[in-house]
Amino acid sequence: MDKETILEMSRQENKDRDIAALEAGTKASRHAIISGVIFAFILWVWQVIAKGENNVSLIALMMFFNMIMQFSLYFSLKNKKSLFAALCWTFATIIYTAMAIIGF
C-alpha cells in the first residue's frame, strides 16, 4: 500500500469523528475520576481525624471508580495490564463494600 491509500483509508475511518473531542473527553473523564478519588479520600481522612469514625464506604467508592476505569480501558484497548488492574480493584471493592455493609 502506498501512503495516499493509507491516508484515504484513515480519513474514511475517522469520518464524522472529532478526534480532538474524543481525546478531550478521555482526559476529562480521567481527571474527574482522579479528582473524585482525592475528594473521597479527603472526606474519609476528615471523618477519621475529626469525628473518630471510620467510613469505609468512601474507600469502597474510591475503589469502585478505579475498577470501572480499568475495566473500561481493558475493553477499549484489550490491554492485559488493565485487566489485571481491574481485577485487583474489583477485589478491593468487594472487600471494602463488605466491610461497609457489616459496619466494620
PDB file of N, CA and C in Angstrom:
ATOM      1  N   MET A   1       0.834  -1.193   0.000  1.00  0.00           N
ATOM      2  CA  MET A   1       0.000   0.000   0.000  1.00  0.00           C
ATOM      3  C   MET A   1       0.868   1.242   0.000  1.00  0.00           C
ATOM      4  N   ASP A   2       0.413   2.201  -0.763  1.00  0.00           N
ATOM      5  CA  ASP A   2       1.166   3.449  -0.767  1.00  0.00           C
ATOM      6  C   ASP A   2       0.586   4.410   0.274  1.00  0.00           C
ATOM      7  N   LYS A   3       1.287   5.475   0.468  1.00  0.00           N
ATOM      8  CA  LYS A   3       0.953   6.439   1.519  1.00  0.00           C
ATOM      9  C   LYS A   3      -0.428   7.055   1.312  1.00  0.00           C
ATOM     10  N   GLU A   4      -0.758   7.406   0.072  1.00  0.00           N
ATOM     11  CA  GLU A   4      -2.046   8.042  -0.220  1.00  0.00           C
ATOM     12  C   GLU A   4      -3.220   7.113   0.068  1.00  0.00           C
ATOM     13  N   THR A   5      -3.071   5.831  -0.221  1.00  0.00           N
ATOM     14  CA  THR A   5      -4.134   4.861   0.044  1.00  0.00           C
ATOM     15  C   THR A   5      -4.378   4.730   1.544  1.00  0.00           C
ATOM     16  N   ILE A   6      -3.294   4.673   2.301  1.00  0.00           N
ATOM     17  CA  ILE A   6      -3.407   4.574   3.760  1.00  0.00           C
ATOM     18  C   ILE A   6      -4.073   5.823   4.332  1.00  0.00           C
ATOM     19  N   LEU A   7      -3.673   6.997   3.846  1.00  0.00           N
ATOM     20  CA  LEU A   7      -4.279   8.243   4.316  1.00  0.00           C
ATOM     21  C   LEU A   7      -5.770   8.302   3.986  1.00  0.00           C
ATOM     22  N   GLU A   8      -6.134   7.857   2.792  1.00  0.00           N
ATOM     23  CA  GLU A   8      -7.550   7.859   2.409  1.00  0.00           C
ATOM     24  C   GLU A   8      -8.358   6.896   3.270  1.00  0.00           C
ATOM     25  N   MET A   9      -7.801   5.729   3.569  1.00  0.00           N
ATOM     26  CA  MET A   9      -8.478   4.770   4.436  1.00  0.00           C
ATOM     27  C   MET A   9      -8.674   5.360   5.831  1.00  0.00           C
ATOM     28  N   SER A  10      -7.661   6.054   6.329  1.00  0.00           N
ATOM     29  CA  SER A  10      -7.744   6.684   7.646  1.00  0.00           C
ATOM     30  C   SER A  10      -8.805   7.775   7.663  1.00  0.00           C
ATOM     31  N   ARG A  11      -8.872   8.553   6.596  1.00  0.00           N
ATOM     32  CA  ARG A  11      -9.896   9.605   6.519  1.00  0.00           C
ATOM     33  C   ARG A  11     -11.297   9.005   6.531  1.00  0.00           C
ATOM     34  N   GLN A  12     -11.483   7.918   5.801  1.00  0.00           N
ATOM     35  CA  GLN A  12     -12.788   7.264   5.754  1.00  0.00           C
ATOM     36  C   GLN A  12     -13.151   6.670   7.120  1.00  0.00           C
ATOM     37  N   GLU A  13     -12.158   6.091   7.793  1.00  0.00           N
ATOM     38  CA  GLU A  13     -12.390   5.507   9.121  1.00  0.00           C
ATOM     39  C   GLU A  13     -12.820   6.549  10.139  1.00  0.00           C
ATOM     40  N   ASN A  14     -12.187   7.711  10.073  1.00  0.00           N
ATOM     41  CA  ASN A  14     -12.423   8.759  11.068  1.00  0.00           C
ATOM     42  C   ASN A  14     -13.408   9.818  10.586  1.00  0.00           C
ATOM     43  N   LYS A  15     -14.145   9.514   9.531  1.00  0.00           N
ATOM     44  CA  LYS A  15     -15.124  10.453   9.009  1.00  0.00           C
ATOM     45  C   LYS A  15     -16.216  10.682  10.056  1.00  0.00           C
ATOM     46  N   ASP A  16     -16.623  11.908  10.217  1.00  0.00           N
ATOM     47  CA  ASP A  16     -17.646  12.319  11.184  1.00  0.00           C
ATOM     48  C   ASP A  16     -17.216  12.093  12.626  1.00  0.00           C
ATOM     49  N   ARG A  17     -15.942  12.011  12.883  1.00  0.00           N
ATOM     50  CA  ARG A  17     -15.436  11.911  14.257  1.00  0.00           C
ATOM     51  C   ARG A  17     -14.541  13.104  14.524  1.00  0.00           C
ATOM     52  N   ASP A  18     -14.709  13.661  15.677  1.00  0.00           N
ATOM     53  CA  ASP A  18     -13.834  14.746  16.090  1.00  0.00           C
ATOM     54  C   ASP A  18     -12.813  14.148  17.048  1.00  0.00           C
ATOM     55  N   ILE A  19     -11.630  13.853  16.526  1.00  0.00           N
ATOM     56  CA  ILE A  19     -10.595  13.183  17.307  1.00  0.00           C
ATOM     57  C   ILE A  19     -10.199  14.022  18.518  1.00  0.00           C
ATOM     58  N   ALA A  20     -10.112  15.323  18.346  1.00  0.00           N
ATOM     59  CA  ALA A  20      -9.735  16.194  19.474  1.00  0.00           C
ATOM     60  C   ALA A  20     -10.790  16.133  20.579  1.00  0.00           C
ATOM     61  N   ALA A  21     -12.068  16.075  20.206  1.00  0.00           N
ATOM     62  CA  ALA A  21     -13.127  15.988  21.212  1.00  0.00           C
ATOM     63  C   ALA A  21     -13.080  14.643  21.931  1.00  0.00           C
ATOM     64  N   LEU A  22     -12.790  13.574  21.201  1.00  0.00           N
ATOM     65  CA  LEU A  22     -12.669  12.258  21.828  1.00  0.00           C
ATOM     66  C   LEU A  22     -11.522  12.230  22.836  1.00  0.00           C
ATOM     67  N   GLU A  23     -10.390  12.784  22.452  1.00  0.00           N
ATOM     68  CA  GLU A  23      -9.244  12.815  23.357  1.00  0.00           C
ATOM     69  C   GLU A  23      -9.527  13.708  24.566  1.00  0.00           C
ATOM     70  N   ALA A  24     -10.190  14.823  24.341  1.00  0.00           N
ATOM     71  CA  ALA A  24     -10.526  15.725  25.449  1.00  0.00           C
ATOM     72  C   ALA A  24     -11.496  15.041  26.411  1.00  0.00           C
ATOM     73  N   GLY A  25     -12.453  14.297  25.881  1.00  0.00           N
ATOM     74  CA  GLY A  25     -13.390  13.561  26.730  1.00  0.00           C
ATOM     75  C   GLY A  25     -12.694  12.504  27.564  1.00  0.00           C
ATOM     76  N   THR A  26     -11.750  11.810  26.958  1.00  0.00           N
ATOM     77  CA  THR A  26     -10.985  10.803  27.679  1.00  0.00           C
ATOM     78  C   THR A  26     -10.186  11.436  28.811  1.00  0.00           C
ATOM     79  N   LYS A  27      -9.528  12.534  28.500  1.00  0.00           N
ATOM     80  CA  LYS A  27      -8.733  13.227  29.521  1.00  0.00           C
ATOM     81  C   LYS A  27      -9.632  13.772  30.631  1.00  0.00           C
ATOM     82  N   ALA A  28     -10.783  14.304  30.258  1.00  0.00           N
ATOM     83  CA  ALA A  28     -11.703  14.853  31.253  1.00  0.00           C
ATOM     84  C   ALA A  28     -12.235  13.763  32.181  1.00  0.00           C
ATOM     85  N   SER A  29     -12.537  12.595  31.624  1.00  0.00           N
ATOM     86  CA  SER A  29     -13.059  11.522  32.477  1.00  0.00           C
ATOM     87  C   SER A  29     -11.990  11.036  33.446  1.00  0.00           C
ATOM     88  N   ARG A  30     -10.769  10.957  32.997  1.00  0.00           N
ATOM     89  CA  ARG A  30      -9.685  10.575  33.909  1.00  0.00           C
ATOM     90  C   ARG A  30      -9.518  11.600  35.018  1.00  0.00           C
ATOM     91  N   HIS A  31      -9.536  12.876  34.656  1.00  0.00           N
ATOM     92  CA  HIS A  31      -9.410  13.932  35.668  1.00  0.00           C
ATOM     93  C   HIS A  31     -10.571  13.879  36.657  1.00  0.00           C
ATOM     94  N   ALA A  32     -11.769  13.604  36.157  1.00  0.00           N
ATOM     95  CA  ALA A  32     -12.933  13.531  37.036  1.00  0.00           C
ATOM     96  C   ALA A  32     -12.804  12.372  38.026  1.00  0.00           C
ATOM     97  N   ILE A  33     -12.356  11.230  37.546  1.00  0.00           N
ATOM     98  CA  ILE A  33     -12.210  10.073  38.432  1.00  0.00           C
ATOM     99  C   ILE A  33     -11.124  10.320  39.468  1.00  0.00           C
ATOM    100  N   ILE A  34      -9.994  10.833  39.028  1.00  0.00           N
ATOM    101  CA  ILE A  34      -8.895  11.100  39.957  1.00  0.00           C
ATOM    102  C   ILE A  34      -9.320  12.149  40.982  1.00  0.00           C
ATOM    103  N   SER A  35     -10.007  13.193  40.536  1.00  0.00           N
ATOM    104  CA  SER A  35     -10.483  14.225  41.468  1.00  0.00           C
ATOM    105  C   SER A  35     -11.499  13.654  42.447  1.00  0.00           C
ATOM    106  N   GLY A  36     -12.378  12.786  41.964  1.00  0.00           N
ATOM    107  CA  GLY A  36     -13.355  12.144  42.845  1.00  0.00           C
ATOM    108  C   GLY A  36     -12.695  11.286  43.904  1.00  0.00           C
ATOM    109  N   VAL A  37     -11.670  10.568  43.509  1.00  0.00           N
ATOM    110  CA  VAL A  37     -10.934   9.726  44.456  1.00  0.00           C
ATOM    111  C   VAL A  37     -10.242  10.584  45.509  1.00  0.00           C
ATOM    112  N   ILE A  38      -9.611  11.656  45.081  1.00  0.00           N
ATOM    113  CA  ILE A  38      -8.925  12.551  46.026  1.00  0.00           C
ATOM    114  C   ILE A  38      -9.933  13.181  46.988  1.00  0.00           C
ATOM    115  N   PHE A  39     -11.076  13.618  46.460  1.00  0.00           N
ATOM    116  CA  PHE A  39     -12.104  14.231  47.302  1.00  0.00           C
ATOM    117  C   PHE A  39     -12.648  13.222  48.317  1.00  0.00           C
ATOM    118  N   ALA A  40     -12.928  12.011  47.874  1.00  0.00           N
ATOM    119  CA  ALA A  40     -13.423  10.981  48.795  1.00  0.00           C
ATOM    120  C   ALA A  40     -12.377  10.659  49.857  1.00  0.00           C
ATOM    121  N   PHE A  41     -11.108  10.643  49.474  1.00  0.00           N
ATOM    122  CA  PHE A  41     -10.037  10.379  50.435  1.00  0.00           C
ATOM    123  C   PHE A  41      -9.961  11.492  51.475  1.00  0.00           C
ATOM    124  N   ILE A  42     -10.096  12.739  51.029  1.00  0.00           N
ATOM    125  CA  ILE A  42     -10.070  13.872  51.970  1.00  0.00           C
ATOM    126  C   ILE A  42     -11.233  13.766  52.951  1.00  0.00           C
ATOM    127  N   LEU A  43     -12.426  13.432  52.446  1.00  0.00           N
ATOM    128  CA  LEU A  43     -13.578  13.262  53.333  1.00  0.00           C
ATOM    129  C   LEU A  43     -13.355  12.128  54.326  1.00  0.00           C
ATOM    130  N   TRP A  44     -12.769  11.047  53.854  1.00  0.00           N
ATOM    131  CA  TRP A  44     -12.505   9.907  54.738  1.00  0.00           C
ATOM    132  C   TRP A  44     -11.521  10.295  55.836  1.00  0.00           C
ATOM    133  N   VAL A  45     -10.433  10.976  55.467  1.00  0.00           N
ATOM    134  CA  VAL A  45      -9.445  11.413  56.460  1.00  0.00           C
ATOM    135  C   VAL A  45     -10.095  12.361  57.460  1.00  0.00           C
ATOM    136  N   TRP A  46     -10.936  13.288  56.983  1.00  0.00           N
ATOM    137  CA  TRP A  46     -11.616  14.215  57.874  1.00  0.00           C
ATOM    138  C   TRP A  46     -12.494  13.457  58.867  1.00  0.00           C
ATOM    139  N   GLN A  47     -13.219  12.448  58.399  1.00  0.00           N
ATOM    140  CA  GLN A  47     -14.077  11.694  59.309  1.00  0.00           C
ATOM    141  C   GLN A  47     -13.267  10.911  60.336  1.00  0.00           C
ATOM    142  N   VAL A  48     -12.132  10.388  59.927  1.00  0.00           N
ATOM    143  CA  VAL A  48     -11.297   9.636  60.867  1.00  0.00           C
ATOM    144  C   VAL A  48     -10.697  10.569  61.911  1.00  0.00           C
ATOM    145  N   ILE A  49     -10.159  11.700  61.487  1.00  0.00           N
ATOM    146  CA  ILE A  49      -9.477  12.615  62.409  1.00  0.00           C
ATOM    147  C   ILE A  49     -10.470  13.432  63.234  1.00  0.00           C
ATOM    148  N   ALA A  50     -11.431  14.063  62.579  1.00  0.00           N
ATOM    149  CA  ALA A  50     -12.325  14.984  63.281  1.00  0.00           C
ATOM    150  C   ALA A  50     -13.415  14.273  64.080  1.00  0.00           C
ATOM    151  N   LYS A  51     -13.960  13.217  63.532  1.00  0.00           N
ATOM    152  CA  LYS A  51     -15.082  12.564  64.194  1.00  0.00           C
ATOM    153  C   LYS A  51     -14.715  11.248  64.862  1.00  0.00           C
ATOM    154  N   GLY A  52     -13.567  10.728  64.533  1.00  0.00           N
ATOM    155  CA  GLY A  52     -13.164   9.450  65.098  1.00  0.00           C
ATOM    156  C   GLY A  52     -13.926   8.272  64.516  1.00  0.00           C
ATOM    157  N   GLU A  53     -14.551   8.474  63.370  1.00  0.00           N
ATOM    158  CA  GLU A  53     -15.302   7.413  62.705  1.00  0.00           C
ATOM    159  C   GLU A  53     -14.514   6.903  61.506  1.00  0.00           C
ATOM    160  N   ASN A  54     -14.720   5.649  61.173  1.00  0.00           N
ATOM    161  CA  ASN A  54     -14.067   5.074  60.004  1.00  0.00           C
ATOM    162  C   ASN A  54     -15.140   4.729  58.989  1.00  0.00           C
ATOM    163  N   ASN A  55     -15.309   5.575  57.994  1.00  0.00           N
ATOM    164  CA  ASN A  55     -16.331   5.393  56.971  1.00  0.00           C
ATOM    165  C   ASN A  55     -15.715   4.667  55.775  1.00  0.00           C
ATOM    166  N   VAL A  56     -15.770   3.357  55.793  1.00  0.00           N
ATOM    167  CA  VAL A  56     -15.150   2.584  54.711  1.00  0.00           C
ATOM    168  C   VAL A  56     -15.964   2.627  53.426  1.00  0.00           C
ATOM    169  N   SER A  57     -17.191   3.141  53.482  1.00  0.00           N
ATOM    170  CA  SER A  57     -17.967   3.235  52.248  1.00  0.00           C
ATOM    171  C   SER A  57     -17.334   4.237  51.278  1.00  0.00           C
ATOM    172  N   LEU A  58     -16.680   5.273  51.805  1.00  0.00           N
ATOM    173  CA  LEU A  58     -15.970   6.206  50.927  1.00  0.00           C
ATOM    174  C   LEU A  58     -14.784   5.527  50.250  1.00  0.00           C
ATOM    175  N   ILE A  59     -14.096   4.669  50.980  1.00  0.00           N
ATOM    176  CA  ILE A  59     -12.979   3.936  50.387  1.00  0.00           C
ATOM    177  C   ILE A  59     -13.503   2.971  49.324  1.00  0.00           C
ATOM    178  N   ALA A  60     -14.632   2.314  49.604  1.00  0.00           N
ATOM    179  CA  ALA A  60     -15.238   1.413  48.617  1.00  0.00           C
ATOM    180  C   ALA A  60     -15.596   2.177  47.346  1.00  0.00           C
ATOM    181  N   LEU A  61     -16.086   3.395  47.510  1.00  0.00           N
ATOM    182  CA  LEU A  61     -16.421   4.228  46.364  1.00  0.00           C
ATOM    183  C   LEU A  61     -15.175   4.558  45.540  1.00  0.00           C
ATOM    184  N   MET A  62     -14.081   4.891  46.212  1.00  0.00           N
ATOM    185  CA  MET A  62     -12.827   5.162  45.504  1.00  0.00           C
ATOM    186  C   MET A  62     -12.366   3.929  44.726  1.00  0.00           C
ATOM    187  N   MET A  63     -12.462   2.772  45.351  1.00  0.00           N
ATOM    188  CA  MET A  63     -12.065   1.524  44.691  1.00  0.00           C
ATOM    189  C   MET A  63     -12.948   1.265  43.471  1.00  0.00           C
ATOM    190  N   PHE A  64     -14.242   1.536  43.620  1.00  0.00           N
ATOM    191  CA  PHE A  64     -15.190   1.308  42.535  1.00  0.00           C
ATOM    192  C   PHE A  64     -14.865   2.180  41.324  1.00  0.00           C
ATOM    193  N   PHE A  65     -14.560   3.465  41.567  1.00  0.00           N
ATOM    194  CA  PHE A  65     -14.196   4.362  40.463  1.00  0.00           C
ATOM    195  C   PHE A  65     -13.019   3.801  39.673  1.00  0.00           C
ATOM    196  N   ASN A  66     -11.989   3.389  40.383  1.00  0.00           N
ATOM    197  CA  ASN A  66     -10.803   2.866  39.716  1.00  0.00           C
ATOM    198  C   ASN A  66     -11.096   1.553  38.997  1.00  0.00           C
ATOM    199  N   MET A  67     -11.929   0.708  39.582  1.00  0.00           N
ATOM    200  CA  MET A  67     -12.298  -0.553  38.951  1.00  0.00           C
ATOM    201  C   MET A  67     -12.974  -0.297  37.602  1.00  0.00           C
ATOM    202  N   ILE A  68     -13.938   0.610  37.581  1.00  0.00           N
ATOM    203  CA  ILE A  68     -14.660   0.915  36.340  1.00  0.00           C
ATOM    204  C   ILE A  68     -13.719   1.502  35.295  1.00  0.00           C
ATOM    205  N   MET A  69     -12.824   2.394  35.700  1.00  0.00           N
ATOM    206  CA  MET A  69     -11.884   2.985  34.755  1.00  0.00           C
ATOM    207  C   MET A  69     -10.987   1.918  34.138  1.00  0.00           C
ATOM    208  N   GLN A  70     -10.484   0.998  34.954  1.00  0.00           N
ATOM    209  CA  GLN A  70      -9.594  -0.041  34.435  1.00  0.00           C
ATOM    210  C   GLN A  70     -10.337  -1.030  33.532  1.00  0.00           C
ATOM    211  N   PHE A  71     -11.568  -1.397  33.891  1.00  0.00           N
ATOM    212  CA  PHE A  71     -12.352  -2.273  33.014  1.00  0.00           C
ATOM    213  C   PHE A  71     -12.645  -1.581  31.688  1.00  0.00           C
ATOM    214  N   SER A  72     -12.940  -0.303  31.736  1.00  0.00           N
ATOM    215  CA  SER A  72     -13.191   0.454  30.515  1.00  0.00           C
ATOM    216  C   SER A  72     -11.957   0.473  29.618  1.00  0.00           C
ATOM    217  N   LEU A  73     -10.799   0.687  30.229  1.00  0.00           N
ATOM    218  CA  LEU A  73      -9.551   0.659  29.454  1.00  0.00           C
ATOM    219  C   LEU A  73      -9.305  -0.724  28.861  1.00  0.00           C
ATOM    220  N   TYR A  74      -9.572  -1.745  29.632  1.00  0.00           N
ATOM    221  CA  TYR A  74      -9.353  -3.102  29.128  1.00  0.00           C
ATOM    222  C   TYR A  74     -10.268  -3.402  27.930  1.00  0.00           C
ATOM    223  N   PHE A  75     -11.552  -3.086  28.050  1.00  0.00           N
ATOM    224  CA  PHE A  75     -12.477  -3.396  26.966  1.00  0.00           C
ATOM    225  C   PHE A  75     -12.223  -2.536  25.734  1.00  0.00           C
ATOM    226  N   SER A  76     -11.667  -1.348  25.925  1.00  0.00           N
ATOM    227  CA  SER A  76     -11.351  -0.483  24.785  1.00  0.00           C
ATOM    228  C   SER A  76     -10.058  -0.889  24.097  1.00  0.00           C
ATOM    229  N   LEU A  77      -9.033  -1.199  24.900  1.00  0.00           N
ATOM    230  CA  LEU A  77      -7.697  -1.422  24.350  1.00  0.00           C
ATOM    231  C   LEU A  77      -7.236  -2.877  24.359  1.00  0.00           C
ATOM    232  N   LYS A  78      -7.978  -3.735  25.051  1.00  0.00           N
ATOM    233  CA  LYS A  78      -7.590  -5.149  25.207  1.00  0.00           C
ATOM    234  C   LYS A  78      -6.181  -5.275  25.778  1.00  0.00           C
ATOM    235  N   ASN A  79      -5.902  -4.440  26.773  1.00  0.00           N
ATOM    236  CA  ASN A  79      -4.604  -4.391  27.418  1.00  0.00           C
ATOM    237  C   ASN A  79      -4.633  -5.301  28.652  1.00  0.00           C
ATOM    238  N   LYS A  80      -3.742  -6.297  28.701  1.00  0.00           N
ATOM    239  CA  LYS A  80      -3.740  -7.252  29.817  1.00  0.00           C
ATOM    240  C   LYS A  80      -3.394  -6.587  31.146  1.00  0.00           C
ATOM    241  N   LYS A  81      -2.579  -5.554  31.106  1.00  0.00           N
ATOM    242  CA  LYS A  81      -2.248  -4.832  32.340  1.00  0.00           C
ATOM    243  C   LYS A  81      -3.495  -4.170  32.922  1.00  0.00           C
ATOM    244  N   SER A  82      -4.345  -3.646  32.061  1.00  0.00           N
ATOM    245  CA  SER A  82      -5.591  -3.026  32.534  1.00  0.00           C
ATOM    246  C   SER A  82      -6.528  -4.077  33.112  1.00  0.00           C
ATOM    247  N   LEU A  83      -6.549  -5.270  32.531  1.00  0.00           N
ATOM    248  CA  LEU A  83      -7.382  -6.342  33.072  1.00  0.00           C
ATOM    249  C   LEU A  83      -6.902  -6.745  34.458  1.00  0.00           C
ATOM    250  N   PHE A  84      -5.593  -6.891  34.615  1.00  0.00           N
ATOM    251  CA  PHE A  84      -5.038  -7.238  35.921  1.00  0.00           C
ATOM    252  C   PHE A  84      -5.368  -6.166  36.953  1.00  0.00           C
ATOM    253  N   ALA A  85      -5.186  -4.901  36.564  1.00  0.00           N
ATOM    254  CA  ALA A  85      -5.504  -3.791  37.474  1.00  0.00           C
ATOM    255  C   ALA A  85      -6.994  -3.780  37.808  1.00  0.00           C
ATOM    256  N   ALA A  86      -7.838  -4.039  36.816  1.00  0.00           N
ATOM    257  CA  ALA A  86      -9.283  -4.054  37.054  1.00  0.00           C
ATOM    258  C   ALA A  86      -9.664  -5.169  38.020  1.00  0.00           C
ATOM    259  N   LEU A  87      -9.057  -6.328  37.880  1.00  0.00           N
ATOM    260  CA  LEU A  87      -9.358  -7.431  38.793  1.00  0.00           C
ATOM    261  C   LEU A  87      -8.882  -7.127  40.212  1.00  0.00           C
ATOM    262  N   CYS A  88      -7.729  -6.487  40.329  1.00  0.00           N
ATOM    263  CA  CYS A  88      -7.244  -6.083  41.661  1.00  0.00           C
ATOM    264  C   CYS A  88      -8.195  -5.071  42.295  1.00  0.00           C
ATOM    265  N   TRP A  89      -8.634  -4.070  41.522  1.00  0.00           N
ATOM    266  CA  TRP A  89      -9.564  -3.079  42.038  1.00  0.00           C
ATOM    267  C   TRP A  89     -10.907  -3.718  42.375  1.00  0.00           C
ATOM    268  N   THR A  90     -11.317  -4.725  41.602  1.00  0.00           N
ATOM    269  CA  THR A  90     -12.564  -5.438  41.894  1.00  0.00           C
ATOM    270  C   THR A  90     -12.475  -6.140  43.243  1.00  0.00           C
ATOM    271  N   PHE A  91     -11.365  -6.806  43.476  1.00  0.00           N
ATOM    272  CA  PHE A  91     -11.152  -7.486  44.751  1.00  0.00           C
ATOM    273  C   PHE A  91     -11.212  -6.485  45.910  1.00  0.00           C
ATOM    274  N   ALA A  92     -10.510  -5.362  45.753  1.00  0.00           N
ATOM    275  CA  ALA A  92     -10.512  -4.331  46.802  1.00  0.00           C
ATOM    276  C   ALA A  92     -11.914  -3.758  47.001  1.00  0.00           C
ATOM    277  N   THR A  93     -12.648  -3.546  45.913  1.00  0.00           N
ATOM    278  CA  THR A  93     -14.010  -3.023  46.013  1.00  0.00           C
ATOM    279  C   THR A  93     -14.911  -3.980  46.782  1.00  0.00           C
ATOM    280  N   ILE A  94     -14.800  -5.271  46.483  1.00  0.00           N
ATOM    281  CA  ILE A  94     -15.615  -6.269  47.177  1.00  0.00           C
ATOM    282  C   ILE A  94     -15.302  -6.278  48.673  1.00  0.00           C
ATOM    283  N   ILE A  95     -14.015  -6.251  49.008  1.00  0.00           N
ATOM    284  CA  ILE A  95     -13.608  -6.277  50.424  1.00  0.00           C
ATOM    285  C   ILE A  95     -14.150  -5.059  51.163  1.00  0.00           C
ATOM    286  N   TYR A  96     -13.930  -3.856  50.619  1.00  0.00           N
ATOM    287  CA  TYR A  96     -14.356  -2.644  51.311  1.00  0.00           C
ATOM    288  C   TYR A  96     -15.871  -2.476  51.314  1.00  0.00           C
ATOM    289  N   THR A  97     -16.551  -2.961  50.275  1.00  0.00           N
ATOM    290  CA  THR A  97     -18.010  -2.920  50.282  1.00  0.00           C
ATOM    291  C   THR A  97     -18.567  -3.834  51.367  1.00  0.00           C
ATOM    292  N   ALA A  98     -17.976  -5.000  51.486  1.00  0.00           N
ATOM    293  CA  ALA A  98     -18.403  -5.939  52.551  1.00  0.00           C
ATOM    294  C   ALA A  98     -18.151  -5.311  53.926  1.00  0.00           C
ATOM    295  N   MET A  99     -17.005  -4.657  54.088  1.00  0.00           N
ATOM    296  CA  MET A  99     -16.724  -4.004  55.367  1.00  0.00           C
ATOM    297  C   MET A  99     -17.727  -2.895  55.655  1.00  0.00           C
ATOM    298  N   ALA A 100     -18.132  -2.143  54.615  1.00  0.00           N
ATOM    299  CA  ALA A 100     -19.110  -1.064  54.812  1.00  0.00           C
ATOM    300  C   ALA A 100     -20.475  -1.630  55.179  1.00  0.00           C
ATOM    301  N   ILE A 101     -20.832  -2.756  54.583  1.00  0.00           N
ATOM    302  CA  ILE A 101     -22.143  -3.357  54.859  1.00  0.00           C
ATOM    303  C   ILE A 101     -22.219  -3.901  56.288  1.00  0.00           C
ATOM    304  N   ILE A 102     -21.147  -4.575  56.713  1.00  0.00           N
ATOM    305  CA  ILE A 102     -21.205  -5.170  58.066  1.00  0.00           C
ATOM    306  C   ILE A 102     -20.871  -4.155  59.149  1.00  0.00           C
ATOM    307  N   GLY A 103     -20.452  -2.958  58.757  1.00  0.00           N
ATOM    308  CA  GLY A 103     -20.177  -1.900  59.731  1.00  0.00           C
ATOM    309  C   GLY A 103     -18.840  -2.052  60.425  1.00  0.00           C
ATOM    310  N   PHE A 104     -17.846  -2.474  59.717  1.00  0.00           N
ATOM    311  CA  PHE A 104     -16.514  -2.696  60.279  1.00  0.00           C
ATOM    312  C   PHE A 104     -15.862  -1.403  60.684  1.00  0.00           C
TER     313      PHE A 104
END
